[in-house]
Amino acid sequence: MLLLDLDPQGNASTGLGIPKSERSPGTYEFLLGLAPLADCVRASQIPGLSVMPASVSLAGAEIELIDMERREHRLEDALAASDSDARQRWSIVLIDCPPSLGLVTLNALVAADAVLVPLQTEFLALEGIGAIANTVERIKKRLNPRLHIAGVILTMVDRRMTLSQQVEADVRQHFGDLVFGTTIPRNVRIAEAPSHGLPVLIYDNACAGSQAYILLASEFIRRRRTAAEAAQPEADHEPVP
């Protein structure tokens, strides 16, 4: 698996223990064609997980991309280039996006097949999810027909709070089966883990947050398997005479 950190804040890179002094070349250089994939990817301390880290230089990429040819397809083209072809090297490529819709995020949505939407169970987050759904639909029509929402993940859930319960109920009513059954609770250990440069599953595997993410991963894998089986041509299931 490959994780691309496209957020200039570099939170995903921090959470995987990559110091700021070792984040270049990374996604900024790769996106702008300044360095090949091999130079931008780092091995993480998690077996099977590679990461392309982000640096603060990404904040300036929005302006630099404006006048570039195929500016919305830079990431897609770079990932598919013959000397990198990330889809052949990794079965899954995850892209961590900044929380704003600019050219960097747009590049991620054009390159991706699906979107996972983490949603805090708070009122303001609920207002934003409708805009995300509309954005995905517009990009699907104009730039990337593969794109779809693969699921909505409810995070920072506190079932002791009435607001949290109401937001969860509203999201499940509106998005139905798109919402994962597994939810991620508010958990101190999740908040502490990045300060130690560790994913929470390594920092404290037994905490409630880690256990919730393990269940979420299992549910995600089941969904992918079910979707893949449903996408197979009916001819594959017909008996050979």
Protein backbone atom coordinates (compact mmCIF):
# COMPACT_ATOMS: atom_id res chain seq x y z
CA MET A 1 0.00 0.00 0.00
CA LEU A 2 1.15 3.55 -0.78
CA LEU A 3 0.02 6.63 1.14
CA LEU A 4 0.31 9.99 -0.63
CA ASP A 5 0.24 12.93 1.78
CA LEU A 6 -1.17 15.86 -0.18
CA ASP A 7 -1.88 18.07 2.84
CA PRO A 8 0.70 20.88 3.27
CA GLN A 9 0.36 20.44 7.05
CA GLY A 10 1.79 16.94 6.62
CA ASN A 11 -0.21 15.36 9.43
CA ALA A 12 -0.15 11.92 7.82
CA SER A 13 3.63 12.17 7.44
CA THR A 14 3.97 13.21 11.08
CA GLY A 15 1.77 10.33 12.19
CA LEU A 16 4.07 7.90 10.42
CA GLY A 17 7.16 9.32 12.07
CA ILE A 18 8.75 11.06 9.07
CA PRO A 19 10.67 14.13 10.29
CA LYS A 20 10.17 17.41 8.45
CA SER A 21 13.81 17.42 7.42
CA GLU A 22 13.26 14.21 5.42
CA ARG A 23 10.10 15.12 3.48
CA SER A 24 11.74 16.41 0.33
CA PRO A 25 11.49 15.25 -2.35
CA GLY A 26 7.87 14.29 -1.69
CA THR A 27 4.41 14.96 -3.06
CA TYR A 28 5.25 18.56 -4.01
CA GLU A 29 8.13 17.52 -6.25
CA PHE A 30 6.19 14.54 -7.64
CA LEU A 31 3.09 16.61 -8.44
CA LEU A 32 5.09 19.29 -10.25
CA GLY A 33 7.27 16.78 -12.12
CA LEU A 34 10.47 17.77 -10.31
CA ALA A 35 11.34 14.25 -9.09
CA PRO A 36 10.41 10.67 -10.05
CA LEU A 37 8.29 8.43 -7.87
CA ALA A 38 11.24 6.34 -6.69
CA ASP A 39 12.92 9.40 -5.17
CA CYS A 40 9.75 10.60 -3.44
CA VAL A 41 8.61 7.42 -1.68
CA ARG A 42 9.81 6.35 1.77
CA ALA A 43 9.39 3.06 3.58
CA SER A 44 7.41 3.38 6.81
CA GLN A 45 7.83 1.43 10.03
CA ILE A 46 4.69 -0.51 9.10
CA PRO A 47 5.45 -3.54 6.88
CA GLY A 48 3.87 -3.21 3.45
CA LEU A 49 3.14 0.53 3.81
CA SER A 50 5.11 3.11 1.83
CA VAL A 51 4.56 6.85 2.11
CA MET A 52 5.17 9.88 -0.07
CA PRO A 53 5.47 12.69 2.49
CA ALA A 54 4.24 16.26 2.28
CA SER A 55 6.13 19.46 2.97
CA VAL A 56 5.01 23.05 3.40
CA SER A 57 6.03 23.63 -0.24
CA LEU A 58 2.67 22.13 -1.22
CA ALA A 59 1.00 25.33 -0.04
CA GLY A 60 2.54 27.11 -3.03
CA ALA A 61 1.61 24.39 -5.50
CA GLU A 62 -1.87 25.86 -5.93
CA ILE A 63 -0.39 28.92 -7.64
CA GLU A 64 2.26 27.03 -9.59
CA LEU A 65 -0.31 24.64 -11.07
CA ILE A 66 -2.54 27.38 -12.49
CA ASP A 67 -0.61 27.88 -15.73
CA MET A 68 0.45 24.27 -16.24
CA GLU A 69 -0.86 22.08 -19.03
CA ARG A 70 -3.43 19.49 -17.85
CA ARG A 71 -3.24 21.06 -14.42
CA GLU A 72 -6.10 18.94 -13.03
CA HIS A 73 -4.45 15.72 -14.27
CA ARG A 74 -0.88 16.25 -13.03
CA LEU A 75 -1.11 13.62 -10.29
CA GLU A 76 -3.01 11.15 -12.46
CA ASP A 77 -0.43 11.47 -15.24
CA ALA A 78 2.51 11.17 -12.84
CA LEU A 79 1.11 8.03 -11.19
CA ALA A 80 0.46 6.42 -14.57
CA ALA A 81 3.83 7.33 -16.10
CA SER A 82 5.73 4.38 -17.52
CA ASP A 83 8.63 4.83 -15.10
CA SER A 84 6.42 4.78 -12.02
CA ASP A 85 2.99 3.22 -12.68
CA ALA A 86 1.94 3.17 -9.04
CA ARG A 87 -1.13 1.06 -9.79
CA GLN A 88 1.11 -1.81 -10.83
CA ARG A 89 3.42 -1.53 -7.82
CA TRP A 90 0.78 -1.11 -5.11
CA SER A 91 -2.65 -2.74 -4.88
CA ILE A 92 -4.00 0.26 -2.94
CA VAL A 93 -2.98 3.92 -3.13
CA LEU A 94 -4.43 6.17 -0.42
CA ILE A 95 -4.36 9.94 -0.84
CA ASP A 96 -4.68 12.19 2.21
CA CYS A 97 -6.16 15.50 1.05
CA PRO A 98 -6.22 18.97 2.61
CA PRO A 99 -9.61 20.13 3.95
CA SER A 100 -10.12 22.65 1.13
CA LEU A 101 -11.03 22.21 -2.52
CA GLY A 102 -8.16 23.70 -4.49
CA LEU A 103 -6.08 22.44 -7.40
CA VAL A 104 -4.13 20.05 -5.17
CA THR A 105 -7.29 18.37 -3.87
CA LEU A 106 -8.76 18.44 -7.37
CA ASN A 107 -5.72 16.53 -8.64
CA ALA A 108 -6.34 13.88 -5.98
CA LEU A 109 -9.99 13.52 -6.94
CA VAL A 110 -9.15 13.23 -10.64
CA ALA A 111 -6.53 10.54 -9.94
CA ALA A 112 -8.64 8.53 -7.48
CA ASP A 113 -11.25 5.86 -8.08
CA ALA A 114 -13.15 6.44 -4.84
CA VAL A 115 -13.50 8.85 -1.93
CA LEU A 116 -13.61 7.97 1.76
CA VAL A 117 -15.22 10.78 3.76
CA PRO A 118 -14.29 11.02 7.46
CA LEU A 119 -17.02 12.96 9.23
CA GLN A 120 -16.90 14.26 12.78
CA THR A 121 -20.26 13.90 14.46
CA GLU A 122 -20.67 17.64 14.87
CA PHE A 123 -23.14 20.05 13.29
CA LEU A 124 -20.68 22.07 11.17
CA ALA A 125 -19.19 18.88 9.72
CA LEU A 126 -22.69 17.76 8.79
CA GLU A 127 -23.17 20.95 6.78
CA GLY A 128 -20.03 20.28 4.77
CA ILE A 129 -20.76 16.72 3.69
CA GLY A 130 -23.46 17.83 1.26
CA ALA A 131 -20.94 20.07 -0.49
CA ILE A 132 -18.49 17.14 -0.74
CA ALA A 133 -21.12 14.93 -2.35
CA ASN A 134 -21.96 17.65 -4.90
CA THR A 135 -18.29 18.21 -5.67
CA VAL A 136 -17.68 14.50 -6.26
CA GLU A 137 -20.66 14.37 -8.61
CA ARG A 138 -19.42 17.36 -10.65
CA ILE A 139 -15.92 15.93 -10.97
CA LYS A 140 -17.35 12.57 -11.99
CA LYS A 141 -19.29 14.20 -14.83
CA ARG A 142 -16.51 16.46 -16.10
CA LEU A 143 -13.12 14.99 -15.26
CA ASN A 144 -13.20 11.48 -13.76
CA PRO A 145 -16.08 9.11 -14.55
CA ARG A 146 -14.62 6.48 -12.19
CA LEU A 147 -15.00 8.65 -9.11
CA HIS A 148 -17.55 7.74 -6.46
CA ILE A 149 -18.00 7.94 -2.72
CA ALA A 150 -16.92 4.58 -1.29
CA GLY A 151 -18.13 5.36 2.19
CA VAL A 152 -18.62 7.81 5.03
CA ILE A 153 -16.71 7.18 8.26
CA LEU A 154 -18.14 8.67 11.45
CA THR A 155 -15.31 9.85 13.70
CA MET A 156 -14.95 11.41 17.16
CA VAL A 157 -18.24 9.80 18.13
CA ASP A 158 -19.36 10.38 21.71
CA ARG A 159 -22.58 8.51 22.34
CA ARG A 160 -23.00 10.31 25.66
CA MET A 161 -23.74 13.51 23.73
CA THR A 162 -27.18 14.03 22.23
CA LEU A 163 -25.71 16.09 19.36
CA SER A 164 -23.37 13.24 18.39
CA GLN A 165 -26.28 10.82 18.30
CA GLN A 166 -28.43 13.20 16.26
CA VAL A 167 -25.70 13.83 13.68
CA GLU A 168 -25.08 10.10 13.31
CA ALA A 169 -28.81 9.45 12.83
CA ASP A 170 -29.10 12.22 10.22
CA VAL A 171 -26.07 11.01 8.26
CA ARG A 172 -27.28 7.40 8.25
CA GLN A 173 -30.75 8.48 7.16
CA HIS A 174 -29.39 10.59 4.29
CA PHE A 175 -26.55 8.37 3.03
CA GLY A 176 -27.85 4.94 4.03
CA ASP A 177 -25.48 2.07 3.30
CA LEU A 178 -22.68 4.46 2.31
CA VAL A 179 -22.08 5.05 6.02
CA PHE A 180 -19.81 2.45 7.58
CA GLY A 181 -21.36 0.50 10.41
CA THR A 182 -18.12 0.87 12.38
CA THR A 183 -17.64 4.25 14.09
CA ILE A 184 -14.50 5.77 15.59
CA PRO A 185 -14.97 7.00 19.18
CA ARG A 186 -13.38 9.99 20.85
CA ASN A 187 -10.22 8.53 22.30
CA VAL A 188 -7.27 10.15 24.05
CA ARG A 189 -4.80 7.58 22.71
CA ILE A 190 -5.70 8.48 19.10
CA ALA A 191 -4.91 12.13 19.86
CA GLU A 192 -1.63 11.24 21.59
CA ALA A 193 -0.24 8.90 18.92
CA PRO A 194 0.89 11.52 16.32
CA SER A 195 2.97 13.36 18.94
CA HIS A 196 5.02 10.17 19.24
CA GLY A 197 5.32 9.78 15.46
CA LEU A 198 3.31 6.57 15.57
CA PRO A 199 0.00 5.34 14.17
CA VAL A 200 -2.39 4.59 17.01
CA LEU A 201 -2.33 0.88 16.13
CA ILE A 202 1.36 0.78 17.06
CA TYR A 203 1.18 3.34 19.86
CA ASP A 204 -1.57 1.46 21.74
CA ASN A 205 -3.05 -1.51 19.93
CA ALA A 206 -5.43 -2.32 22.78
CA CYS A 207 -7.13 1.07 23.17
CA ALA A 208 -10.72 1.61 22.07
CA GLY A 209 -9.63 3.78 19.12
CA SER A 210 -7.26 1.13 17.74
CA GLN A 211 -9.83 -1.60 18.08
CA ALA A 212 -12.37 0.56 16.24
CA TYR A 213 -9.93 1.15 13.37
CA ILE A 214 -9.23 -2.58 13.14
CA LEU A 215 -12.96 -3.24 12.81
CA LEU A 216 -13.24 -0.43 10.24
CA ALA A 217 -10.42 -1.94 8.17
CA SER A 218 -12.16 -5.31 8.21
CA GLU A 219 -15.43 -3.73 7.09
CA PHE A 220 -13.64 -1.81 4.34
CA ILE A 221 -12.00 -4.99 3.04
CA ARG A 222 -15.34 -6.81 3.03
CA ARG A 223 -16.94 -3.97 1.08
CA ARG A 224 -14.14 -3.98 -1.49
CA ARG A 225 -14.41 -7.73 -1.92
CA THR A 226 -18.19 -7.56 -2.34
CA ALA A 227 -17.91 -4.71 -4.86
CA ALA A 228 -15.26 -6.59 -6.86
CA GLU A 229 -17.41 -9.72 -6.99
CA ALA A 230 -20.44 -7.72 -8.10
CA ALA A 231 -18.42 -6.06 -10.86
CA GLN A 232 -17.38 -9.35 -12.45
CA PRO A 233 -19.13 -10.07 -15.76
CA GLU A 234 -21.97 -12.54 -15.49
CA ALA A 235 -20.17 -14.68 -18.03
CA ASP A 236 -17.56 -15.45 -15.39
CA HIS A 237 -20.20 -17.28 -13.39
CA GLU A 238 -21.78 -19.20 -16.27
CA PRO A 239 -20.89 -22.91 -16.51
CA VAL A 240 -18.71 -23.90 -19.44
CA PRO A 241 -20.60 -26.35 -21.74
